Every structure is written in C-alpha cells, then in structure tokens.
PDB file of all heavy atoms in Angstrom:
ATOM      1  N   VAL A   1     109.428 138.715 156.426  1.00  0.00           N
ATOM      2  CA  VAL A   1     108.365 138.973 155.446  1.00  0.00           C
ATOM      3  C   VAL A   1     107.049 138.310 155.820  1.00  0.00           C
ATOM      4  O   VAL A   1     106.021 138.561 155.178  1.00  0.00           O
ATOM      5  CB  VAL A   1     108.774 138.504 154.038  1.00  0.00           C
ATOM      6  CG1 VAL A   1     110.105 139.126 153.623  1.00  0.00           C
ATOM      7  CG2 VAL A   1     108.846 136.984 153.953  1.00  0.00           C
ATOM      8  N   ARG A   2     107.061 137.474 156.849  1.00  0.00           N
ATOM      9  CA  ARG A   2     105.833 136.759 157.221  1.00  0.00           C
ATOM     10  C   ARG A   2     104.734 137.759 157.564  1.00  0.00           C
ATOM     11  O   ARG A   2     104.942 138.711 158.306  1.00  0.00           O
ATOM     12  CB  ARG A   2     106.091 135.830 158.405  1.00  0.00           C
ATOM     13  CG  ARG A   2     104.898 134.929 158.732  1.00  0.00           C
ATOM     14  CD  ARG A   2     105.233 133.930 159.828  1.00  0.00           C
ATOM     15  NE  ARG A   2     106.194 132.933 159.380  1.00  0.00           N
ATOM     16  CZ  ARG A   2     107.447 132.862 159.828  1.00  0.00           C
ATOM     17  NH1 ARG A   2     107.862 133.723 160.734  1.00  0.00           N
ATOM     18  NH2 ARG A   2     108.269 131.923 159.386  1.00  0.00           N
ATOM     19  N   GLY A   3     103.559 137.535 156.999  1.00  0.00           N
ATOM     20  CA  GLY A   3     102.436 138.434 157.222  1.00  0.00           C
ATOM     21  C   GLY A   3     102.325 139.535 156.183  1.00  0.00           C
ATOM     22  O   GLY A   3     101.279 140.186 156.067  1.00  0.00           O
ATOM     23  N   ARG A   4     103.389 139.766 155.431  1.00  0.00           N
ATOM     24  CA  ARG A   4     103.368 140.792 154.378  1.00  0.00           C
ATOM     25  C   ARG A   4     103.447 140.163 152.982  1.00  0.00           C
ATOM     26  O   ARG A   4     102.855 140.691 152.033  1.00  0.00           O
ATOM     27  CB  ARG A   4     104.546 141.758 154.555  1.00  0.00           C
ATOM     28  CG  ARG A   4     104.541 142.508 155.865  1.00  0.00           C
ATOM     29  CD  ARG A   4     105.613 143.603 155.876  1.00  0.00           C
ATOM     30  NE  ARG A   4     106.956 143.062 155.758  1.00  0.00           N
ATOM     31  CZ  ARG A   4     107.815 143.400 154.802  1.00  0.00           C
ATOM     32  NH1 ARG A   4     107.467 144.269 153.860  1.00  0.00           N
ATOM     33  NH2 ARG A   4     109.037 142.877 154.778  1.00  0.00           N
ATOM     34  N   PHE A   5     104.190 139.082 152.853  1.00  0.00           N
ATOM     35  CA  PHE A   5     104.379 138.419 151.568  1.00  0.00           C
ATOM     36  C   PHE A   5     103.609 137.106 151.557  1.00  0.00           C
ATOM     37  O   PHE A   5     103.489 136.438 152.588  1.00  0.00           O
ATOM     38  CB  PHE A   5     105.858 138.109 151.325  1.00  0.00           C
ATOM     39  CG  PHE A   5     106.737 139.310 151.105  1.00  0.00           C
ATOM     40  CD1 PHE A   5     106.285 140.604 151.324  1.00  0.00           C
ATOM     41  CD2 PHE A   5     108.045 139.142 150.662  1.00  0.00           C
ATOM     42  CE1 PHE A   5     107.103 141.702 151.124  1.00  0.00           C
ATOM     43  CE2 PHE A   5     108.884 140.208 150.448  1.00  0.00           C
ATOM     44  CZ  PHE A   5     108.412 141.496 150.688  1.00  0.00           C
ATOM     45  N   THR A   6     103.119 136.735 150.373  1.00  0.00           N
ATOM     46  CA  THR A   6     102.426 135.466 150.195  1.00  0.00           C
ATOM     47  C   THR A   6     102.958 134.779 148.952  1.00  0.00           C
ATOM     48  O   THR A   6     102.960 135.362 147.868  1.00  0.00           O
ATOM     49  CB  THR A   6     100.914 135.672 150.044  1.00  0.00           C
ATOM     50  OG1 THR A   6     100.408 136.359 151.196  1.00  0.00           O
ATOM     51  CG2 THR A   6     100.207 134.324 149.920  1.00  0.00           C
ATOM     52  N   ILE A   7     103.390 133.522 149.120  1.00  0.00           N
ATOM     53  CA  ILE A   7     103.881 132.741 147.990  1.00  0.00           C
ATOM     54  C   ILE A   7     102.797 131.753 147.597  1.00  0.00           C
ATOM     55  O   ILE A   7     102.102 131.188 148.453  1.00  0.00           O
ATOM     56  CB  ILE A   7     105.208 132.024 148.336  1.00  0.00           C
ATOM     57  CG1 ILE A   7     105.815 131.394 147.091  1.00  0.00           C
ATOM     58  CG2 ILE A   7     104.998 130.994 149.445  1.00  0.00           C
ATOM     59  CD1 ILE A   7     107.236 130.875 147.311  1.00  0.00           C
ATOM     60  N   SER A   8     102.648 131.545 146.295  1.00  0.00           N
ATOM     61  CA  SER A   8     101.643 130.601 145.807  1.00  0.00           C
ATOM     62  C   SER A   8     102.151 129.952 144.538  1.00  0.00           C
ATOM     63  O   SER A   8     103.034 130.485 143.861  1.00  0.00           O
ATOM     64  CB  SER A   8     100.316 131.322 145.549  1.00  0.00           C
ATOM     65  OG  SER A   8     100.476 132.345 144.583  1.00  0.00           O
ATOM     66  N   GLY A   9     101.549 128.807 144.213  1.00  0.00           N
ATOM     67  CA  GLY A   9     101.980 128.088 143.028  1.00  0.00           C
ATOM     68  C   GLY A   9     100.804 127.720 142.159  1.00  0.00           C
ATOM     69  O   GLY A   9      99.694 127.470 142.665  1.00  0.00           O
ATOM     70  N   ASP A  10     101.024 127.710 140.854  1.00  0.00           N
ATOM     71  CA  ASP A  10     100.009 127.320 139.882  1.00  0.00           C
ATOM     72  C   ASP A  10     100.442 126.030 139.202  1.00  0.00           C
ATOM     73  O   ASP A  10     101.512 125.976 138.610  1.00  0.00           O
ATOM     74  CB  ASP A  10      99.818 128.415 138.827  1.00  0.00           C
ATOM     75  CG  ASP A  10      99.202 129.661 139.424  1.00  0.00           C
ATOM     76  OD1 ASP A  10      98.390 129.536 140.348  1.00  0.00           O
ATOM     77  OD2 ASP A  10      99.539 130.760 138.960  1.00  0.00           O
ATOM     78  N   ASN A  11      99.581 125.016 139.309  1.00  0.00           N
ATOM     79  CA  ASN A  11      99.873 123.760 138.619  1.00  0.00           C
ATOM     80  C   ASN A  11      99.777 123.942 137.115  1.00  0.00           C
ATOM     81  O   ASN A  11      99.109 124.860 136.644  1.00  0.00           O
ATOM     82  CB  ASN A  11      98.915 122.683 139.084  1.00  0.00           C
ATOM     83  CG  ASN A  11      99.382 122.049 140.365  1.00  0.00           C
ATOM     84  OD1 ASN A  11     100.570 121.831 140.566  1.00  0.00           O
ATOM     85  ND2 ASN A  11      98.457 121.763 141.251  1.00  0.00           N
ATOM     86  N   PRO A  12     100.383 123.105 136.298  1.00  0.00           N
ATOM     87  CA  PRO A  12     101.194 121.979 136.742  1.00  0.00           C
ATOM     88  C   PRO A  12     102.666 122.347 136.906  1.00  0.00           C
ATOM     89  O   PRO A  12     103.466 122.173 135.982  1.00  0.00           O
ATOM     90  CB  PRO A  12     101.013 120.973 135.609  1.00  0.00           C
ATOM     91  CG  PRO A  12     100.846 121.858 134.390  1.00  0.00           C
ATOM     92  CD  PRO A  12     100.165 123.112 134.866  1.00  0.00           C
ATOM     93  N   LYS A  13     102.991 122.890 138.093  1.00  0.00           N
ATOM     94  CA  LYS A  13     104.368 123.173 138.468  1.00  0.00           C
ATOM     95  C   LYS A  13     105.048 124.115 137.490  1.00  0.00           C
ATOM     96  O   LYS A  13     106.229 123.984 137.206  1.00  0.00           O
ATOM     97  CB  LYS A  13     105.178 121.881 138.584  1.00  0.00           C
ATOM     98  CG  LYS A  13     104.665 120.937 139.629  1.00  0.00           C
ATOM     99  CD  LYS A  13     105.604 119.731 139.780  1.00  0.00           C
ATOM    100  CE  LYS A  13     105.093 118.780 140.845  1.00  0.00           C
ATOM    101  NZ  LYS A  13     106.004 117.633 141.043  1.00  0.00           N
ATOM    102  N   ASN A  14     104.287 125.022 136.972  1.00  0.00           N
ATOM    103  CA  ASN A  14     104.871 125.929 136.006  1.00  0.00           C
ATOM    104  C   ASN A  14     105.209 127.302 136.549  1.00  0.00           C
ATOM    105  O   ASN A  14     106.172 127.927 136.099  1.00  0.00           O
ATOM    106  CB  ASN A  14     103.913 126.111 134.822  1.00  0.00           C
ATOM    107  CG  ASN A  14     103.954 124.945 133.883  1.00  0.00           C
ATOM    108  OD1 ASN A  14     104.817 124.087 133.992  1.00  0.00           O
ATOM    109  ND2 ASN A  14     103.021 124.908 132.954  1.00  0.00           N
ATOM    110  N   THR A  15     104.418 127.820 137.480  1.00  0.00           N
ATOM    111  CA  THR A  15     104.586 129.185 137.933  1.00  0.00           C
ATOM    112  C   THR A  15     104.443 129.309 139.445  1.00  0.00           C
ATOM    113  O   THR A  15     103.527 128.742 140.025  1.00  0.00           O
ATOM    114  CB  THR A  15     103.552 130.124 137.269  1.00  0.00           C
ATOM    115  OG1 THR A  15     103.655 130.041 135.858  1.00  0.00           O
ATOM    116  CG2 THR A  15     103.788 131.565 137.700  1.00  0.00           C
ATOM    117  N   VAL A  16     105.359 130.053 140.033  1.00  0.00           N
ATOM    118  CA  VAL A  16     105.255 130.420 141.438  1.00  0.00           C
ATOM    119  C   VAL A  16     105.248 131.939 141.521  1.00  0.00           C
ATOM    120  O   VAL A  16     106.036 132.599 140.849  1.00  0.00           O
ATOM    121  CB  VAL A  16     106.423 129.846 142.258  1.00  0.00           C
ATOM    122  CG1 VAL A  16     106.495 130.492 143.622  1.00  0.00           C
ATOM    123  CG2 VAL A  16     106.256 128.343 142.419  1.00  0.00           C
ATOM    124  N   SER A  17     104.337 132.462 142.337  1.00  0.00           N
ATOM    125  CA  SER A  17     104.217 133.907 142.479  1.00  0.00           C
ATOM    126  C   SER A  17     104.502 134.344 143.907  1.00  0.00           C
ATOM    127  O   SER A  17     104.315 133.569 144.850  1.00  0.00           O
ATOM    128  CB  SER A  17     102.801 134.352 142.082  1.00  0.00           C
ATOM    129  OG  SER A  17     102.541 134.033 140.731  1.00  0.00           O
ATOM    130  N   LEU A  18     104.937 135.569 144.034  1.00  0.00           N
ATOM    131  CA  LEU A  18     105.194 136.157 145.344  1.00  0.00           C
ATOM    132  C   LEU A  18     104.472 137.494 145.412  1.00  0.00           C
ATOM    133  O   LEU A  18     104.872 138.452 144.744  1.00  0.00           O
ATOM    134  CB  LEU A  18     106.692 136.353 145.562  1.00  0.00           C
ATOM    135  CG  LEU A  18     107.096 136.868 146.949  1.00  0.00           C
ATOM    136  CD1 LEU A  18     106.830 135.784 148.005  1.00  0.00           C
ATOM    137  CD2 LEU A  18     108.563 137.277 146.975  1.00  0.00           C
ATOM    138  N   GLN A  19     103.392 137.535 146.172  1.00  0.00           N
ATOM    139  CA  GLN A  19     102.652 138.775 146.380  1.00  0.00           C
ATOM    140  C   GLN A  19     103.273 139.507 147.555  1.00  0.00           C
ATOM    141  O   GLN A  19     103.328 138.976 148.660  1.00  0.00           O
ATOM    142  CB  GLN A  19     101.183 138.473 146.661  1.00  0.00           C
ATOM    143  CG  GLN A  19     100.341 139.707 146.950  1.00  0.00           C
ATOM    144  CD  GLN A  19     100.223 140.614 145.743  1.00  0.00           C
ATOM    145  OE1 GLN A  19     100.046 140.164 144.623  1.00  0.00           O
ATOM    146  NE2 GLN A  19     100.317 141.926 145.982  1.00  0.00           N
ATOM    147  N   MET A  20     103.751 140.718 147.290  1.00  0.00           N
ATOM    148  CA  MET A  20     104.452 141.483 148.310  1.00  0.00           C
ATOM    149  C   MET A  20     103.637 142.729 148.653  1.00  0.00           C
ATOM    150  O   MET A  20     103.427 143.598 147.807  1.00  0.00           O
ATOM    151  CB  MET A  20     105.838 141.878 147.807  1.00  0.00           C
ATOM    152  CG  MET A  20     106.672 140.700 147.352  1.00  0.00           C
ATOM    153  SD  MET A  20     108.358 141.148 146.909  1.00  0.00           S
ATOM    154  CE  MET A  20     108.049 142.178 145.479  1.00  0.00           C
ATOM    155  N   ASN A  21     103.158 142.781 149.888  1.00  0.00           N
ATOM    156  CA  ASN A  21     102.372 143.913 150.364  1.00  0.00           C
ATOM    157  C   ASN A  21     103.121 144.652 151.466  1.00  0.00           C
ATOM    158  O   ASN A  21     104.076 144.127 152.033  1.00  0.00           O
ATOM    159  CB  ASN A  21     101.020 143.431 150.892  1.00  0.00           C
ATOM    160  CG  ASN A  21     100.182 142.741 149.848  1.00  0.00           C
ATOM    161  OD1 ASN A  21     100.254 143.077 148.656  1.00  0.00           O
ATOM    162  ND2 ASN A  21      99.384 141.778 150.260  1.00  0.00           N
ATOM    163  N   SER A  22     102.670 145.856 151.747  1.00  0.00           N
ATOM    164  CA  SER A  22     103.283 146.669 152.813  1.00  0.00           C
ATOM    165  C   SER A  22     104.802 146.710 152.668  1.00  0.00           C
ATOM    166  O   SER A  22     105.544 146.508 153.635  1.00  0.00           O
ATOM    167  CB  SER A  22     102.897 146.102 154.189  1.00  0.00           C
ATOM    168  OG  SER A  22     101.496 146.072 154.345  1.00  0.00           O
ATOM    169  N   LEU A  23     105.239 146.994 151.462  1.00  0.00           N
ATOM    170  CA  LEU A  23     106.674 146.970 151.183  1.00  0.00           C
ATOM    171  C   LEU A  23     107.411 148.067 151.942  1.00  0.00           C
ATOM    172  O   LEU A  23     106.877 149.168 152.163  1.00  0.00           O
ATOM    173  CB  LEU A  23     106.910 147.108 149.688  1.00  0.00           C
ATOM    174  CG  LEU A  23     106.658 145.825 148.899  1.00  0.00           C
ATOM    175  CD1 LEU A  23     106.463 146.117 147.428  1.00  0.00           C
ATOM    176  CD2 LEU A  23     107.806 144.845 149.104  1.00  0.00           C
ATOM    177  N   LYS A  24     108.632 147.743 152.332  1.00  0.00           N
ATOM    178  CA  LYS A  24     109.489 148.655 153.084  1.00  0.00           C
ATOM    179  C   LYS A  24     110.766 148.920 152.283  1.00  0.00           C
ATOM    180  O   LYS A  24     111.169 148.094 151.468  1.00  0.00           O
ATOM    181  CB  LYS A  24     109.863 148.033 154.426  1.00  0.00           C
ATOM    182  CG  LYS A  24     108.680 147.597 155.288  1.00  0.00           C
ATOM    183  CD  LYS A  24     109.163 146.864 156.523  1.00  0.00           C
ATOM    184  CE  LYS A  24     107.995 146.398 157.377  1.00  0.00           C
ATOM    185  NZ  LYS A  24     108.468 145.668 158.585  1.00  0.00           N
ATOM    186  N   PRO A  25     111.433 150.038 152.525  1.00  0.00           N
ATOM    187  CA  PRO A  25     112.697 150.288 151.818  1.00  0.00           C
ATOM    188  C   PRO A  25     113.703 149.158 152.000  1.00  0.00           C
ATOM    189  O   PRO A  25     114.480 148.865 151.081  1.00  0.00           O
ATOM    190  CB  PRO A  25     113.184 151.588 152.466  1.00  0.00           C
ATOM    191  CG  PRO A  25     111.935 152.296 152.866  1.00  0.00           C
ATOM    192  CD  PRO A  25     111.006 151.200 153.321  1.00  0.00           C
ATOM    193  N   GLU A  26     113.683 148.503 153.145  1.00  0.00           N
ATOM    194  CA  GLU A  26     114.627 147.398 153.368  1.00  0.00           C
ATOM    195  C   GLU A  26     114.298 146.155 152.564  1.00  0.00           C
ATOM    196  O   GLU A  26     115.070 145.196 152.567  1.00  0.00           O
ATOM    197  CB  GLU A  26     114.710 147.054 154.863  1.00  0.00           C
ATOM    198  CG  GLU A  26     113.372 146.816 155.527  1.00  0.00           C
ATOM    199  CD  GLU A  26     112.864 148.055 156.255  1.00  0.00           C
ATOM    200  OE1 GLU A  26     112.956 149.166 155.683  1.00  0.00           O
ATOM    201  OE2 GLU A  26     112.354 147.900 157.388  1.00  0.00           O
ATOM    202  N   ASP A  27     113.176 146.156 151.853  1.00  0.00           N
ATOM    203  CA  ASP A  27     112.856 145.054 150.944  1.00  0.00           C
ATOM    204  C   ASP A  27     113.539 145.238 149.589  1.00  0.00           C
ATOM    205  O   ASP A  27     113.467 144.351 148.728  1.00  0.00           O
ATOM    206  CB  ASP A  27     111.349 144.966 150.721  1.00  0.00           C
ATOM    207  CG  ASP A  27     110.597 144.552 151.982  1.00  0.00           C
ATOM    208  OD1 ASP A  27     111.077 143.661 152.703  1.00  0.00           O
ATOM    209  OD2 ASP A  27     109.516 145.129 152.232  1.00  0.00           O
ATOM    210  N   THR A  28     114.183 146.376 149.389  1.00  0.00           N
ATOM    211  CA  THR A  28     114.875 146.633 148.128  1.00  0.00           C
ATOM    212  C   THR A  28     115.998 145.629 147.917  1.00  0.00           C
ATOM    213  O   THR A  28     116.854 145.442 148.782  1.00  0.00           O
ATOM    214  CB  THR A  28     115.451 148.059 148.132  1.00  0.00           C
ATOM    215  OG1 THR A  28     114.380 149.001 148.176  1.00  0.00           O
ATOM    216  CG2 THR A  28     116.282 148.306 146.886  1.00  0.00           C
ATOM    217  N   ALA A  29     115.950 144.966 146.765  1.00  0.00           N
ATOM    218  CA  ALA A  29     116.932 143.921 146.467  1.00  0.00           C
ATOM    219  C   ALA A  29     116.653 143.366 145.077  1.00  0.00           C
ATOM    220  O   ALA A  29     115.620 143.664 144.468  1.00  0.00           O
ATOM    221  CB  ALA A  29     116.859 142.791 147.496  1.00  0.00           C
ATOM    222  N   VAL A  30     117.584 142.553 144.614  1.00  0.00           N
ATOM    223  CA  VAL A  30     117.314 141.715 143.440  1.00  0.00           C
ATOM    224  C   VAL A  30     116.698 140.425 143.967  1.00  0.00           C
ATOM    225  O   VAL A  30     117.261 139.786 144.866  1.00  0.00           O
ATOM    226  CB  VAL A  30     118.589 141.411 142.650  1.00  0.00           C
ATOM    227  CG1 VAL A  30     118.273 140.476 141.482  1.00  0.00           C
ATOM    228  CG2 VAL A  30     119.218 142.706 142.137  1.00  0.00           C
ATOM    229  N   TYR A  31     115.556 140.067 143.433  1.00  0.00           N
ATOM    230  CA  TYR A  31     114.835 138.880 143.865  1.00  0.00           C
ATOM    231  C   TYR A  31     115.069 137.747 142.875  1.00  0.00           C
ATOM    232  O   TYR A  31     114.898 137.926 141.665  1.00  0.00           O
ATOM    233  CB  TYR A  31     113.351 139.172 143.985  1.00  0.00           C
ATOM    234  CG  TYR A  31     113.014 139.942 145.253  1.00  0.00           C
ATOM    235  CD1 TYR A  31     113.405 141.271 145.405  1.00  0.00           C
ATOM    236  CD2 TYR A  31     112.331 139.342 146.300  1.00  0.00           C
ATOM    237  CE1 TYR A  31     113.115 141.976 146.564  1.00  0.00           C
ATOM    238  CE2 TYR A  31     112.037 140.036 147.466  1.00  0.00           C
ATOM    239  CZ  TYR A  31     112.444 141.352 147.595  1.00  0.00           C
ATOM    240  OH  TYR A  31     112.161 142.050 148.754  1.00  0.00           O
ATOM    241  N   TYR A  32     115.460 136.593 143.410  1.00  0.00           N
ATOM    242  CA  TYR A  32     115.763 135.429 142.592  1.00  0.00           C
ATOM    243  C   TYR A  32     114.788 134.304 142.884  1.00  0.00           C
ATOM    244  O   TYR A  32     114.485 134.011 144.041  1.00  0.00           O
ATOM    245  CB  TYR A  32     117.179 134.929 142.882  1.00  0.00           C
ATOM    246  CG  TYR A  32     118.266 135.911 142.532  1.00  0.00           C
ATOM    247  CD1 TYR A  32     118.750 136.806 143.475  1.00  0.00           C
ATOM    248  CD2 TYR A  32     118.827 135.925 141.255  1.00  0.00           C
ATOM    249  CE1 TYR A  32     119.754 137.699 143.154  1.00  0.00           C
ATOM    250  CE2 TYR A  32     119.835 136.814 140.925  1.00  0.00           C
ATOM    251  CZ  TYR A  32     120.285 137.695 141.880  1.00  0.00           C
ATOM    252  OH  TYR A  32     121.284 138.581 141.570  1.00  0.00           O
ATOM    253  N   CYS A  33     114.360 133.662 141.818  1.00  0.00           N
ATOM    254  CA  CYS A  33     113.549 132.458 141.934  1.00  0.00           C
ATOM    255  C   CYS A  33     114.479 131.254 141.898  1.00  0.00           C
ATOM    256  O   CYS A  33     115.487 131.265 141.171  1.00  0.00           O
ATOM    257  CB  CYS A  33     112.557 132.408 140.776  1.00  0.00           C
ATOM    258  SG  CYS A  33     111.546 130.924 140.711  1.00  0.00           S
ATOM    259  N   ALA A  34     114.128 130.222 142.651  1.00  0.00           N
ATOM    260  CA  ALA A  34     114.945 129.008 142.683  1.00  0.00           C
ATOM    261  C   ALA A  34     114.043 127.785 142.725  1.00  0.00           C
ATOM    262  O   ALA A  34     112.908 127.859 143.206  1.00  0.00           O
ATOM    263  CB  ALA A  34     115.861 129.029 143.901  1.00  0.00           C
TER     264      ALA A  34
END
C-alpha cells in the first residue's frame, strides 16, 4: 500500500485516519483498527 495509502493521526490521540487512493480490487477486505 506504500505510495497509495496515507495514515495520519489527530491529537489528542483520539482519531487515526487512513486515506486510501488508487484502490485496487485486491484491497477488498474488512479493515480493522488497532
């Protein structure tokens, strides 16, 4: 996913986002936050 996805966080440690660009069929999945 490097170069297509970008992860970022918003203080104060409450939210993390994943911007997913140029998506491919093989990106199909259930996505889990941890």
